[in-house]
C-alpha cells in the first residue's frame, strides 16, 4: 500500500518535470473560415427565423420564441436556480414543462396538413 503511494507520487512528479521541459512547437498558422453561400436559386425565408421576445415578469426573465407569430417555446429564468422551458410539442397551445431542452427521447413530429 505504501509502495504504491510512493510510486504514484514519483510518476506524478516525473510527469510534471517532463511537461515543464517540453519543447514548444511552432505556432500554428490559422486561416479564416470561408464564407459558404447557399446554393443558387434557394431563397431563405426570413419568416422561418425564430422571433425572440424578452420580458421581465416580476423577478423572472421570460423569453418567448415564435415562428410566423406562433408561440412554440417559453424559457423562464428565475433569479436563483436553473432555467426551465415550456414547450408546445403538438402545436395545440398545451405547454409541457421541461427542465432541459433535449429530453431523453425526441420523437420527430411533422405537420403534414393544416386547415
PDB file of N, CA and C in Angstrom:
ATOM      1  N   UNK A   1       0.834  -1.187   0.000  1.00  0.00           N
ATOM      2  CA  UNK A   1       0.000   0.000   0.000  1.00  0.00           C
ATOM      3  C   UNK A   1       0.872   1.241   0.000  1.00  0.00           C
ATOM      4  N   UNK A   2       1.867   1.215   0.870  1.00  0.00           N
ATOM      5  CA  UNK A   2       2.742   2.367   0.999  1.00  0.00           C
ATOM      6  C   UNK A   2       3.621   2.517  -0.235  1.00  0.00           C
ATOM      7  N   UNK A   3       4.033   1.395  -0.812  1.00  0.00           N
ATOM      8  CA  UNK A   3       4.887   1.431  -2.003  1.00  0.00           C
ATOM      9  C   UNK A   3       4.105   2.007  -3.185  1.00  0.00           C
ATOM     10  N   UNK A   4       2.817   1.659  -3.296  1.00  0.00           N
ATOM     11  CA  UNK A   4       2.027   2.175  -4.413  1.00  0.00           C
ATOM     12  C   UNK A   4       1.838   3.689  -4.307  1.00  0.00           C
ATOM     13  N   UNK A   5       1.710   4.217  -3.099  1.00  0.00           N
ATOM     14  CA  UNK A   5       1.592   5.668  -2.935  1.00  0.00           C
ATOM     15  C   UNK A   5       2.890   6.369  -3.320  1.00  0.00           C
ATOM     16  N   UNK A   6       4.007   5.789  -2.931  1.00  0.00           N
ATOM     17  CA  UNK A   6       5.308   6.372  -3.279  1.00  0.00           C
ATOM     18  C   UNK A   6       5.510   6.312  -4.780  1.00  0.00           C
ATOM     19  N   UNK A   7       5.170   5.172  -5.379  1.00  0.00           N
ATOM     20  CA  UNK A   7       5.314   5.023  -6.819  1.00  0.00           C
ATOM     21  C   UNK A   7       4.412   6.008  -7.562  1.00  0.00           C
ATOM     22  N   UNK A   8       3.199   6.213  -7.093  1.00  0.00           N
ATOM     23  CA  UNK A   8       2.278   7.164  -7.696  1.00  0.00           C
ATOM     24  C   UNK A   8       2.813   8.590  -7.574  1.00  0.00           C
ATOM     25  N   UNK A   9       3.390   8.945  -6.440  1.00  0.00           N
ATOM     26  CA  UNK A   9       3.965  10.273  -6.257  1.00  0.00           C
ATOM     27  C   UNK A   9       5.153  10.485  -7.182  1.00  0.00           C
ATOM     28  N   UNK A  10       5.989   9.463  -7.384  1.00  0.00           N
ATOM     29  CA  UNK A  10       7.143   9.580  -8.288  1.00  0.00           C
ATOM     30  C   UNK A  10       6.681   9.759  -9.719  1.00  0.00           C
ATOM     31  N   UNK A  11       5.687   9.005 -10.144  1.00  0.00           N
ATOM     32  CA  UNK A  11       5.168   9.127 -11.516  1.00  0.00           C
ATOM     33  C   UNK A  11       4.556  10.498 -11.737  1.00  0.00           C
ATOM     34  N   UNK A  12       3.818  10.991 -10.765  1.00  0.00           N
ATOM     35  CA  UNK A  12       3.207  12.311 -10.883  1.00  0.00           C
ATOM     36  C   UNK A  12       4.275  13.398 -10.983  1.00  0.00           C
ATOM     37  N   UNK A  13       5.307  13.317 -10.133  1.00  0.00           N
ATOM     38  CA  UNK A  13       6.399  14.297 -10.158  1.00  0.00           C
ATOM     39  C   UNK A  13       7.149  14.224 -11.472  1.00  0.00           C
ATOM     40  N   UNK A  14       7.395  13.025 -11.967  1.00  0.00           N
ATOM     41  CA  UNK A  14       8.086  12.855 -13.242  1.00  0.00           C
ATOM     42  C   UNK A  14       7.267  13.453 -14.387  1.00  0.00           C
ATOM     43  N   UNK A  15       5.959  13.291 -14.336  1.00  0.00           N
ATOM     44  CA  UNK A  15       5.102  13.884 -15.373  1.00  0.00           C
ATOM     45  C   UNK A  15       5.151  15.396 -15.353  1.00  0.00           C
ATOM     46  N   UNK A  16       5.169  15.988 -14.163  1.00  0.00           N
ATOM     47  CA  UNK A  16       5.267  17.450 -14.066  1.00  0.00           C
ATOM     48  C   UNK A  16       6.595  17.965 -14.600  1.00  0.00           C
ATOM     49  N   UNK A  17       7.685  17.254 -14.281  1.00  0.00           N
ATOM     50  CA  UNK A  17       9.001  17.672 -14.753  1.00  0.00           C
ATOM     51  C   UNK A  17       9.070  17.576 -16.268  1.00  0.00           C
ATOM     52  N   UNK A  18       8.581  16.480 -16.833  1.00  0.00           N
ATOM     53  CA  UNK A  18       8.626  16.311 -18.283  1.00  0.00           C
ATOM     54  C   UNK A  18       7.739  17.328 -19.008  1.00  0.00           C
ATOM     55  N   UNK A  19       6.597  17.654 -18.423  1.00  0.00           N
ATOM     56  CA  UNK A  19       5.729  18.642 -19.079  1.00  0.00           C
ATOM     57  C   UNK A  19       6.334  20.037 -19.032  1.00  0.00           C
ATOM     58  N   UNK A  20       7.103  20.342 -17.998  1.00  0.00           N
ATOM     59  CA  UNK A  20       7.733  21.659 -17.938  1.00  0.00           C
ATOM     60  C   UNK A  20       8.925  21.742 -18.882  1.00  0.00           C
ATOM     61  N   UNK A  21       9.530  20.603 -19.243  1.00  0.00           N
ATOM     62  CA  UNK A  21      10.676  20.585 -20.143  1.00  0.00           C
ATOM     63  C   UNK A  21      10.285  20.392 -21.600  1.00  0.00           C
ATOM     64  N   UNK A  22       9.011  20.309 -21.878  1.00  0.00           N
ATOM     65  CA  UNK A  22       8.580  20.009 -23.240  1.00  0.00           C
ATOM     66  C   UNK A  22       8.998  21.129 -24.186  1.00  0.00           C
ATOM     67  N   UNK A  23       9.299  20.738 -25.397  1.00  0.00           N
ATOM     68  CA  UNK A  23       9.734  21.690 -26.427  1.00  0.00           C
ATOM     69  C   UNK A  23       8.496  22.350 -27.006  1.00  0.00           C
ATOM     70  N   UNK A  24       8.574  23.682 -27.118  1.00  0.00           N
ATOM     71  CA  UNK A  24       7.430  24.396 -27.673  1.00  0.00           C
ATOM     72  C   UNK A  24       7.413  24.219 -29.181  1.00  0.00           C
ATOM     73  N   UNK A  25       6.240  23.881 -29.697  1.00  0.00           N
ATOM     74  CA  UNK A  25       6.079  23.695 -31.133  1.00  0.00           C
ATOM     75  C   UNK A  25       5.904  25.055 -31.799  1.00  0.00           C
ATOM     76  N   UNK A  26       6.155  25.076 -33.096  1.00  0.00           N
ATOM     77  CA  UNK A  26       5.980  26.312 -33.853  1.00  0.00           C
ATOM     78  C   UNK A  26       4.507  26.696 -33.835  1.00  0.00           C
ATOM     79  N   UNK A  27       4.179  27.994 -33.795  1.00  0.00           N
ATOM     80  CA  UNK A  27       2.771  28.398 -33.770  1.00  0.00           C
ATOM     81  C   UNK A  27       2.045  27.945 -35.035  1.00  0.00           C
ATOM     82  N   UNK A  28       0.834  27.531 -34.855  1.00  0.00           N
ATOM     83  CA  UNK A  28       0.024  27.036 -35.968  1.00  0.00           C
ATOM     84  C   UNK A  28      -0.518  28.232 -36.746  1.00  0.00           C
ATOM     85  N   UNK A  29      -0.394  28.172 -38.055  1.00  0.00           N
ATOM     86  CA  UNK A  29      -0.916  29.235 -38.904  1.00  0.00           C
ATOM     87  C   UNK A  29      -2.411  29.011 -39.109  1.00  0.00           C
ATOM     88  N   UNK A  30      -3.233  29.894 -38.568  1.00  0.00           N
ATOM     89  CA  UNK A  30      -4.676  29.763 -38.672  1.00  0.00           C
ATOM     90  C   UNK A  30      -5.175  30.522 -39.895  1.00  0.00           C
ATOM     91  N   UNK A  31      -6.148  29.940 -40.566  1.00  0.00           N
ATOM     92  CA  UNK A  31      -6.747  30.578 -41.727  1.00  0.00           C
ATOM     93  C   UNK A  31      -8.206  30.877 -41.416  1.00  0.00           C
ATOM     94  N   UNK A  32      -8.737  31.971 -41.955  1.00  0.00           N
ATOM     95  CA  UNK A  32     -10.147  32.266 -41.704  1.00  0.00           C
ATOM     96  C   UNK A  32     -11.046  31.228 -42.367  1.00  0.00           C
ATOM     97  N   UNK A  33     -12.186  30.998 -41.756  1.00  0.00           N
ATOM     98  CA  UNK A  33     -13.158  30.058 -42.296  1.00  0.00           C
ATOM     99  C   UNK A  33     -13.829  30.703 -43.509  1.00  0.00           C
ATOM    100  N   UNK A  34     -13.882  29.991 -44.643  1.00  0.00           N
ATOM    101  CA  UNK A  34     -14.509  30.594 -45.815  1.00  0.00           C
ATOM    102  C   UNK A  34     -16.013  30.746 -45.631  1.00  0.00           C
ATOM    103  N   UNK A  35     -16.556  31.774 -46.254  1.00  0.00           N
ATOM    104  CA  UNK A  35     -17.996  32.017 -46.201  1.00  0.00           C
ATOM    105  C   UNK A  35     -18.673  31.081 -47.196  1.00  0.00           C
ATOM    106  N   UNK A  36     -19.621  30.291 -46.711  1.00  0.00           N
ATOM    107  CA  UNK A  36     -20.323  29.346 -47.578  1.00  0.00           C
ATOM    108  C   UNK A  36     -21.674  29.956 -47.931  1.00  0.00           C
ATOM    109  N   UNK A  37     -21.893  30.161 -49.198  1.00  0.00           N
ATOM    110  CA  UNK A  37     -23.144  30.741 -49.682  1.00  0.00           C
ATOM    111  C   UNK A  37     -24.162  29.640 -49.937  1.00  0.00           C
ATOM    112  N   UNK A  38     -25.456  29.954 -49.816  1.00  0.00           N
ATOM    113  CA  UNK A  38     -26.469  28.940 -50.122  1.00  0.00           C
ATOM    114  C   UNK A  38     -26.450  28.607 -51.608  1.00  0.00           C
ATOM    115  N   UNK A  39     -26.968  27.435 -51.985  1.00  0.00           N
ATOM    116  CA  UNK A  39     -26.992  27.065 -53.394  1.00  0.00           C
ATOM    117  C   UNK A  39     -27.786  28.083 -54.211  1.00  0.00           C
ATOM    118  N   UNK A  40     -27.404  28.273 -55.473  1.00  0.00           N
ATOM    119  CA  UNK A  40     -28.135  29.246 -56.295  1.00  0.00           C
ATOM    120  C   UNK A  40     -29.580  28.812 -56.492  1.00  0.00           C
ATOM    121  N   UNK A  41     -30.470  29.773 -56.473  1.00  0.00           N
ATOM    122  CA  UNK A  41     -31.890  29.509 -56.658  1.00  0.00           C
ATOM    123  C   UNK A  41     -32.612  29.191 -55.366  1.00  0.00           C
ATOM    124  N   UNK A  42     -31.890  29.025 -54.273  1.00  0.00           N
ATOM    125  CA  UNK A  42     -32.521  28.727 -52.995  1.00  0.00           C
ATOM    126  C   UNK A  42     -32.725  30.040 -52.243  1.00  0.00           C
ATOM    127  N   UNK A  43     -33.965  30.336 -51.935  1.00  0.00           N
ATOM    128  CA  UNK A  43     -34.295  31.568 -51.237  1.00  0.00           C
ATOM    129  C   UNK A  43     -34.536  31.236 -49.771  1.00  0.00           C
ATOM    130  N   UNK A  44     -33.863  31.956 -48.890  1.00  0.00           N
ATOM    131  CA  UNK A  44     -34.065  31.739 -47.469  1.00  0.00           C
ATOM    132  C   UNK A  44     -35.243  32.584 -47.013  1.00  0.00           C
ATOM    133  N   UNK A  45     -36.175  31.937 -46.339  1.00  0.00           N
ATOM    134  CA  UNK A  45     -37.382  32.607 -45.869  1.00  0.00           C
ATOM    135  C   UNK A  45     -37.117  33.225 -44.502  1.00  0.00           C
ATOM    136  N   UNK A  46     -37.103  34.561 -44.395  1.00  0.00           N
ATOM    137  CA  UNK A  46     -36.832  35.162 -43.088  1.00  0.00           C
ATOM    138  C   UNK A  46     -37.954  34.931 -42.075  1.00  0.00           C
ATOM    139  N   UNK A  47     -39.142  34.540 -42.525  1.00  0.00           N
ATOM    140  CA  UNK A  47     -40.229  34.289 -41.574  1.00  0.00           C
ATOM    141  C   UNK A  47     -40.026  32.982 -40.812  1.00  0.00           C
ATOM    142  N   UNK A  48     -39.094  32.122 -41.260  1.00  0.00           N
ATOM    143  CA  UNK A  48     -38.807  30.876 -40.553  1.00  0.00           C
ATOM    144  C   UNK A  48     -37.810  31.070 -39.424  1.00  0.00           C
ATOM    145  N   UNK A  49     -37.190  32.243 -39.362  1.00  0.00           N
ATOM    146  CA  UNK A  49     -36.291  32.543 -38.258  1.00  0.00           C
ATOM    147  C   UNK A  49     -37.122  32.796 -37.003  1.00  0.00           C
ATOM    148  N   UNK A  50     -36.700  32.259 -35.857  1.00  0.00           N
ATOM    149  CA  UNK A  50     -37.486  32.490 -34.636  1.00  0.00           C
ATOM    150  C   UNK A  50     -37.368  33.939 -34.164  1.00  0.00           C
ATOM    151  N   UNK A  51     -38.505  34.494 -33.758  1.00  0.00           N
ATOM    152  CA  UNK A  51     -38.514  35.816 -33.143  1.00  0.00           C
ATOM    153  C   UNK A  51     -38.518  35.597 -31.631  1.00  0.00           C
ATOM    154  N   UNK A  52     -37.613  36.256 -30.943  1.00  0.00           N
ATOM    155  CA  UNK A  52     -37.472  36.086 -29.502  1.00  0.00           C
ATOM    156  C   UNK A  52     -37.870  37.380 -28.818  1.00  0.00           C
ATOM    157  N   UNK A  53     -38.829  37.280 -27.896  1.00  0.00           N
ATOM    158  CA  UNK A  53     -39.276  38.418 -27.101  1.00  0.00           C
ATOM    159  C   UNK A  53     -38.842  38.183 -25.665  1.00  0.00           C
ATOM    160  N   UNK A  54     -38.102  39.150 -25.106  1.00  0.00           N
ATOM    161  CA  UNK A  54     -37.612  39.030 -23.732  1.00  0.00           C
ATOM    162  C   UNK A  54     -38.443  39.938 -22.844  1.00  0.00           C
ATOM    163  N   UNK A  55     -39.053  39.349 -21.816  1.00  0.00           N
ATOM    164  CA  UNK A  55     -39.902  40.079 -20.875  1.00  0.00           C
ATOM    165  C   UNK A  55     -39.375  39.895 -19.462  1.00  0.00           C
ATOM    166  N   UNK A  56     -39.688  40.839 -18.602  1.00  0.00           N
ATOM    167  CA  UNK A  56     -39.350  40.738 -17.182  1.00  0.00           C
ATOM    168  C   UNK A  56     -40.665  40.666 -16.411  1.00  0.00           C
ATOM    169  N   UNK A  57     -41.018  39.494 -15.913  1.00  0.00           N
ATOM    170  CA  UNK A  57     -42.249  39.297 -15.144  1.00  0.00           C
ATOM    171  C   UNK A  57     -41.873  39.079 -13.690  1.00  0.00           C
ATOM    172  N   UNK A  58     -42.014  40.125 -12.903  1.00  0.00           N
ATOM    173  CA  UNK A  58     -41.579  40.050 -11.510  1.00  0.00           C
ATOM    174  C   UNK A  58     -40.074  39.870 -11.491  1.00  0.00           C
ATOM    175  N   UNK A  59     -39.572  38.948 -10.698  1.00  0.00           N
ATOM    176  CA  UNK A  59     -38.128  38.717 -10.678  1.00  0.00           C
ATOM    177  C   UNK A  59     -37.661  37.776 -11.792  1.00  0.00           C
ATOM    178  N   UNK A  60     -38.602  37.150 -12.508  1.00  0.00           N
ATOM    179  CA  UNK A  60     -38.249  36.163 -13.529  1.00  0.00           C
ATOM    180  C   UNK A  60     -38.027  36.828 -14.887  1.00  0.00           C
ATOM    181  N   UNK A  61     -37.072  36.270 -15.635  1.00  0.00           N
ATOM    182  CA  UNK A  61     -36.846  36.687 -17.021  1.00  0.00           C
ATOM    183  C   UNK A  61     -37.522  35.650 -17.919  1.00  0.00           C
ATOM    184  N   UNK A  62     -38.412  36.117 -18.792  1.00  0.00           N
ATOM    185  CA  UNK A  62     -39.187  35.226 -19.648  1.00  0.00           C
ATOM    186  C   UNK A  62     -38.818  35.517 -21.095  1.00  0.00           C
ATOM    187  N   UNK A  63     -38.420  34.463 -21.826  1.00  0.00           N
ATOM    188  CA  UNK A  63     -38.094  34.587 -23.242  1.00  0.00           C
ATOM    189  C   UNK A  63     -39.122  33.782 -24.033  1.00  0.00           C
ATOM    190  N   UNK A  64     -39.836  34.449 -24.945  1.00  0.00           N
ATOM    191  CA  UNK A  64     -40.850  33.782 -25.762  1.00  0.00           C
ATOM    192  C   UNK A  64     -40.293  33.589 -27.174  1.00  0.00           C
ATOM    193  N   UNK A  65     -40.397  32.376 -27.680  1.00  0.00           N
ATOM    194  CA  UNK A  65     -39.897  32.040 -29.009  1.00  0.00           C
ATOM    195  C   UNK A  65     -41.088  31.802 -29.929  1.00  0.00           C
ATOM    196  N   UNK A  66     -41.131  32.518 -31.043  1.00  0.00           N
ATOM    197  CA  UNK A  66     -42.222  32.404 -32.012  1.00  0.00           C
ATOM    198  C   UNK A  66     -41.661  32.199 -33.416  1.00  0.00           C
ATOM    199  N   UNK A  67     -42.395  31.421 -34.211  1.00  0.00           N
ATOM    200  CA  UNK A  67     -42.117  31.284 -35.636  1.00  0.00           C
ATOM    201  C   UNK A  67     -43.408  31.587 -36.369  1.00  0.00           C
ATOM    202  N   UNK A  68     -43.335  32.534 -37.267  1.00  0.00           N
ATOM    203  CA  UNK A  68     -44.502  33.021 -38.020  1.00  0.00           C
ATOM    204  C   UNK A  68     -45.623  33.461 -37.081  1.00  0.00           C
ATOM    205  N   UNK A  69     -45.251  34.048 -35.950  1.00  0.00           N
ATOM    206  CA  UNK A  69     -46.215  34.576 -35.000  1.00  0.00           C
ATOM    207  C   UNK A  69     -46.791  33.556 -34.040  1.00  0.00           C
ATOM    208  N   UNK A  70     -46.434  32.283 -34.187  1.00  0.00           N
ATOM    209  CA  UNK A  70     -46.979  31.238 -33.312  1.00  0.00           C
ATOM    210  C   UNK A  70     -45.977  30.917 -32.207  1.00  0.00           C
ATOM    211  N   UNK A  71     -46.448  31.019 -30.959  1.00  0.00           N
ATOM    212  CA  UNK A  71     -45.609  30.743 -29.797  1.00  0.00           C
ATOM    213  C   UNK A  71     -45.406  29.239 -29.674  1.00  0.00           C
ATOM    214  N   UNK A  72     -44.117  28.795 -29.653  1.00  0.00           N
ATOM    215  CA  UNK A  72     -43.854  27.368 -29.540  1.00  0.00           C
ATOM    216  C   UNK A  72     -42.994  27.010 -28.326  1.00  0.00           C
ATOM    217  N   UNK A  73     -42.308  27.993 -27.722  1.00  0.00           N
ATOM    218  CA  UNK A  73     -41.476  27.686 -26.574  1.00  0.00           C
ATOM    219  C   UNK A  73     -41.323  28.931 -25.707  1.00  0.00           C
ATOM    220  N   UNK A  74     -41.289  28.724 -24.394  1.00  0.00           N
ATOM    221  CA  UNK A  74     -41.050  29.796 -23.425  1.00  0.00           C
ATOM    222  C   UNK A  74     -39.934  29.330 -22.508  1.00  0.00           C
ATOM    223  N   UNK A  75     -38.940  30.181 -22.321  1.00  0.00           N
ATOM    224  CA  UNK A  75     -37.842  29.885 -21.388  1.00  0.00           C
ATOM    225  C   UNK A  75     -37.976  30.842 -20.212  1.00  0.00           C
ATOM    226  N   UNK A  76     -38.106  30.291 -19.007  1.00  0.00           N
ATOM    227  CA  UNK A  76     -38.251  31.089 -17.788  1.00  0.00           C
ATOM    228  C   UNK A  76     -36.974  30.940 -16.976  1.00  0.00           C
ATOM    229  N   UNK A  77     -36.328  32.072 -16.688  1.00  0.00           N
ATOM    230  CA  UNK A  77     -35.102  32.068 -15.905  1.00  0.00           C
ATOM    231  C   UNK A  77     -35.374  32.781 -14.588  1.00  0.00           C
ATOM    232  N   UNK A  78     -35.494  32.030 -13.473  1.00  0.00           N
ATOM    233  CA  UNK A  78     -35.693  32.675 -12.174  1.00  0.00           C
ATOM    234  C   UNK A  78     -34.379  33.324 -11.710  1.00  0.00           C
ATOM    235  N   UNK A  79     -34.462  34.274 -10.769  1.00  0.00           N
ATOM    236  CA  UNK A  79     -33.233  34.932 -10.321  1.00  0.00           C
ATOM    237  C   UNK A  79     -32.250  33.966  -9.646  1.00  0.00           C
ATOM    238  N   UNK A  80     -32.745  32.922  -9.039  1.00  0.00           N
ATOM    239  CA  UNK A  80     -31.872  31.898  -8.480  1.00  0.00           C
ATOM    240  C   UNK A  80     -32.371  30.549  -8.985  1.00  0.00           C
ATOM    241  N   UNK A  81     -31.467  29.660  -9.264  1.00  0.00           N
ATOM    242  CA  UNK A  81     -31.867  28.357  -9.788  1.00  0.00           C
ATOM    243  C   UNK A  81     -31.598  28.256 -11.275  1.00  0.00           C
ATOM    244  N   UNK A  82     -32.024  27.145 -11.842  1.00  0.00           N
ATOM    245  CA  UNK A  82     -31.784  26.898 -13.262  1.00  0.00           C
ATOM    246  C   UNK A  82     -33.020  27.258 -14.072  1.00  0.00           C
ATOM    247  N   UNK A  83     -32.834  27.640 -15.325  1.00  0.00           N
ATOM    248  CA  UNK A  83     -33.990  27.953 -16.163  1.00  0.00           C
ATOM    249  C   UNK A  83     -34.770  26.687 -16.513  1.00  0.00           C
ATOM    250  N   UNK A  84     -36.052  26.882 -16.791  1.00  0.00           N
ATOM    251  CA  UNK A  84     -36.873  25.767 -17.260  1.00  0.00           C
ATOM    252  C   UNK A  84     -37.615  26.223 -18.512  1.00  0.00           C
ATOM    253  N   UNK A  85     -38.104  25.254 -19.260  1.00  0.00           N
ATOM    254  CA  UNK A  85     -38.724  25.509 -20.556  1.00  0.00           C
ATOM    255  C   UNK A  85     -40.175  25.058 -20.546  1.00  0.00           C
ATOM    256  N   UNK A  86     -41.012  25.786 -21.242  1.00  0.00           N
ATOM    257  CA  UNK A  86     -42.391  25.388 -21.507  1.00  0.00           C
ATOM    258  C   UNK A  86     -42.481  25.179 -23.013  1.00  0.00           C
ATOM    259  N   UNK A  87     -42.722  23.942 -23.430  1.00  0.00           N
ATOM    260  CA  UNK A  87     -42.751  23.594 -24.852  1.00  0.00           C
ATOM    261  C   UNK A  87     -44.151  23.190 -25.274  1.00  0.00           C
ATOM    262  N   UNK A  88     -44.493  23.553 -26.498  1.00  0.00           N
ATOM    263  CA  UNK A  88     -45.750  23.154 -27.122  1.00  0.00           C
ATOM    264  C   UNK A  88     -45.414  22.148 -28.225  1.00  0.00           C
ATOM    265  N   UNK A  89     -45.262  20.847 -27.892  1.00  0.00           N
ATOM    266  CA  UNK A  89     -44.779  19.885 -28.881  1.00  0.00           C
ATOM    267  C   UNK A  89     -45.772  19.590 -29.997  1.00  0.00           C
ATOM    268  N   UNK A  90     -47.068  19.682 -29.737  1.00  0.00           N
ATOM    269  CA  UNK A  90     -48.067  19.352 -30.746  1.00  0.00           C
ATOM    270  C   UNK A  90     -48.588  20.583 -31.490  1.00  0.00           C
ATOM    271  N   UNK A  91     -48.287  21.759 -31.006  1.00  0.00           N
ATOM    272  CA  UNK A  91     -48.762  22.978 -31.653  1.00  0.00           C
ATOM    273  C   UNK A  91     -50.207  23.298 -31.340  1.00  0.00           C
ATOM    274  N   UNK A  92     -50.767  22.732 -30.271  1.00  0.00           N
ATOM    275  CA  UNK A  92     -52.174  22.955 -29.940  1.00  0.00           C
ATOM    276  C   UNK A  92     -52.362  23.910 -28.764  1.00  0.00           C
ATOM    277  N   UNK A  93     -51.291  24.549 -28.296  1.00  0.00           N
ATOM    278  CA  UNK A  93     -51.399  25.517 -27.216  1.00  0.00           C
ATOM    279  C   UNK A  93     -51.285  24.929 -25.828  1.00  0.00           C
ATOM    280  N   UNK A  94     -51.056  23.624 -25.709  1.00  0.00           N
ATOM    281  CA  UNK A  94     -50.884  22.992 -24.404  1.00  0.00           C
ATOM    282  C   UNK A  94     -49.387  22.808 -24.163  1.00  0.00           C
ATOM    283  N   UNK A  95     -48.861  23.578 -23.214  1.00  0.00           N
ATOM    284  CA  UNK A  95     -47.436  23.581 -22.961  1.00  0.00           C
ATOM    285  C   UNK A  95     -47.078  22.548 -21.906  1.00  0.00           C
ATOM    286  N   UNK A  96     -45.896  21.950 -22.075  1.00  0.00           N
ATOM    287  CA  UNK A  96     -45.363  20.977 -21.129  1.00  0.00           C
ATOM    288  C   UNK A  96     -44.075  21.536 -20.554  1.00  0.00           C
ATOM    289  N   UNK A  97     -43.912  21.404 -19.251  1.00  0.00           N
ATOM    290  CA  UNK A  97     -42.706  21.911 -18.604  1.00  0.00           C
ATOM    291  C   UNK A  97     -41.585  20.894 -18.727  1.00  0.00           C
ATOM    292  N   UNK A  98     -40.401  21.389 -19.099  1.00  0.00           N
ATOM    293  CA  UNK A  98     -39.205  20.553 -19.197  1.00  0.00           C
ATOM    294  C   UNK A  98     -38.059  21.307 -18.555  1.00  0.00           C
ATOM    295  N   UNK A  99     -37.243  20.583 -17.806  1.00  0.00           N
ATOM    296  CA  UNK A  99     -36.091  21.214 -17.183  1.00  0.00           C
ATOM    297  C   UNK A  99     -34.917  21.325 -18.133  1.00  0.00           C
ATOM    298  N   UNK A 100     -34.905  20.493 -19.162  1.00  0.00           N
ATOM    299  CA  UNK A 100     -33.862  20.536 -20.175  1.00  0.00           C
ATOM    300  C   UNK A 100     -34.535  20.697 -21.523  1.00  0.00           C
ATOM    301  N   UNK A 101     -33.818  21.241 -22.468  1.00  0.00           N
ATOM    302  CA  UNK A 101     -34.387  21.458 -23.791  1.00  0.00           C
ATOM    303  C   UNK A 101     -34.407  20.161 -24.597  1.00  0.00           C
ATOM    304  N   UNK A 102     -33.517  19.218 -24.292  1.00  0.00           N
ATOM    305  CA  UNK A 102     -33.487  17.954 -25.016  1.00  0.00           C
ATOM    306  C   UNK A 102     -33.890  16.831 -24.076  1.00  0.00           C
ATOM    307  N   UNK A 103     -35.085  16.282 -24.219  1.00  0.00           N
ATOM    308  CA  UNK A 103     -35.476  15.144 -23.377  1.00  0.00           C
ATOM    309  C   UNK A 103     -34.721  13.889 -23.794  1.00  0.00           C
ATOM    310  N   UNK A 104     -34.864  12.816 -23.039  1.00  0.00           N
ATOM    311  CA  UNK A 104     -34.159  11.570 -23.325  1.00  0.00           C
ATOM    312  C   UNK A 104     -34.574  10.983 -24.673  1.00  0.00           C
ATOM    313  N   UNK A 105     -35.834  11.093 -25.007  1.00  0.00           N
ATOM    314  CA  UNK A 105     -36.335  10.555 -26.260  1.00  0.00           C
ATOM    315  C   UNK A 105     -37.016  11.667 -27.023  1.00  0.00           C
ATOM    316  N   UNK A 106     -36.526  11.973 -28.188  1.00  0.00           N
ATOM    317  CA  UNK A 106     -37.070  13.049 -29.001  1.00  0.00           C
ATOM    318  C   UNK A 106     -37.720  12.429 -30.236  1.00  0.00           C
ATOM    319  N   UNK A 107     -39.026  12.441 -30.295  1.00  0.00           N
ATOM    320  CA  UNK A 107     -39.769  11.860 -31.402  1.00  0.00           C
ATOM    321  C   UNK A 107     -40.036  12.951 -32.423  1.00  0.00           C
ATOM    322  N   UNK A 108     -39.687  12.731 -33.704  1.00  0.00           N
ATOM    323  CA  UNK A 108     -39.943  13.759 -34.698  1.00  0.00           C
ATOM    324  C   UNK A 108     -41.442  13.909 -34.962  1.00  0.00           C
ATOM    325  N   UNK A 109     -41.921  15.134 -34.991  1.00  0.00           N
ATOM    326  CA  UNK A 109     -43.311  15.437 -35.264  1.00  0.00           C
ATOM    327  C   UNK A 109     -43.366  16.436 -36.412  1.00  0.00           C
ATOM    328  N   UNK A 110     -44.078  16.103 -37.464  1.00  0.00           N
ATOM    329  CA  UNK A 110     -44.215  16.993 -38.603  1.00  0.00           C
ATOM    330  C   UNK A 110     -45.691  17.309 -38.820  1.00  0.00           C
ATOM    331  N   UNK A 111     -45.973  18.521 -39.214  1.00  0.00           N
ATOM    332  CA  UNK A 111     -47.336  18.902 -39.593  1.00  0.00           C
ATOM    333  C   UNK A 111     -47.450  18.669 -41.090  1.00  0.00           C
ATOM    334  N   UNK A 112     -48.293  17.711 -41.468  1.00  0.00           N
ATOM    335  CA  UNK A 112     -48.464  17.391 -42.884  1.00  0.00           C
ATOM    336  C   UNK A 112     -49.546  18.263 -43.521  1.00  0.00           C
ATOM    337  N   UNK A 113     -50.638  18.451 -42.807  1.00  0.00           N
ATOM    338  CA  UNK A 113     -51.738  19.272 -43.317  1.00  0.00           C
ATOM    339  C   UNK A 113     -52.191  20.201 -42.206  1.00  0.00           C
ATOM    340  N   UNK A 114     -52.544  21.428 -42.570  1.00  0.00           N
ATOM    341  CA  UNK A 114     -53.052  22.385 -41.595  1.00  0.00           C
ATOM    342  C   UNK A 114     -54.289  23.019 -42.200  1.00  0.00           C
ATOM    343  N   UNK A 115     -55.418  22.961 -41.490  1.00  0.00           N
ATOM    344  CA  UNK A 115     -56.684  23.501 -42.002  1.00  0.00           C
ATOM    345  C   UNK A 115     -57.042  24.762 -41.303  1.00  0.00           C
TER     346      UNK A 115
END
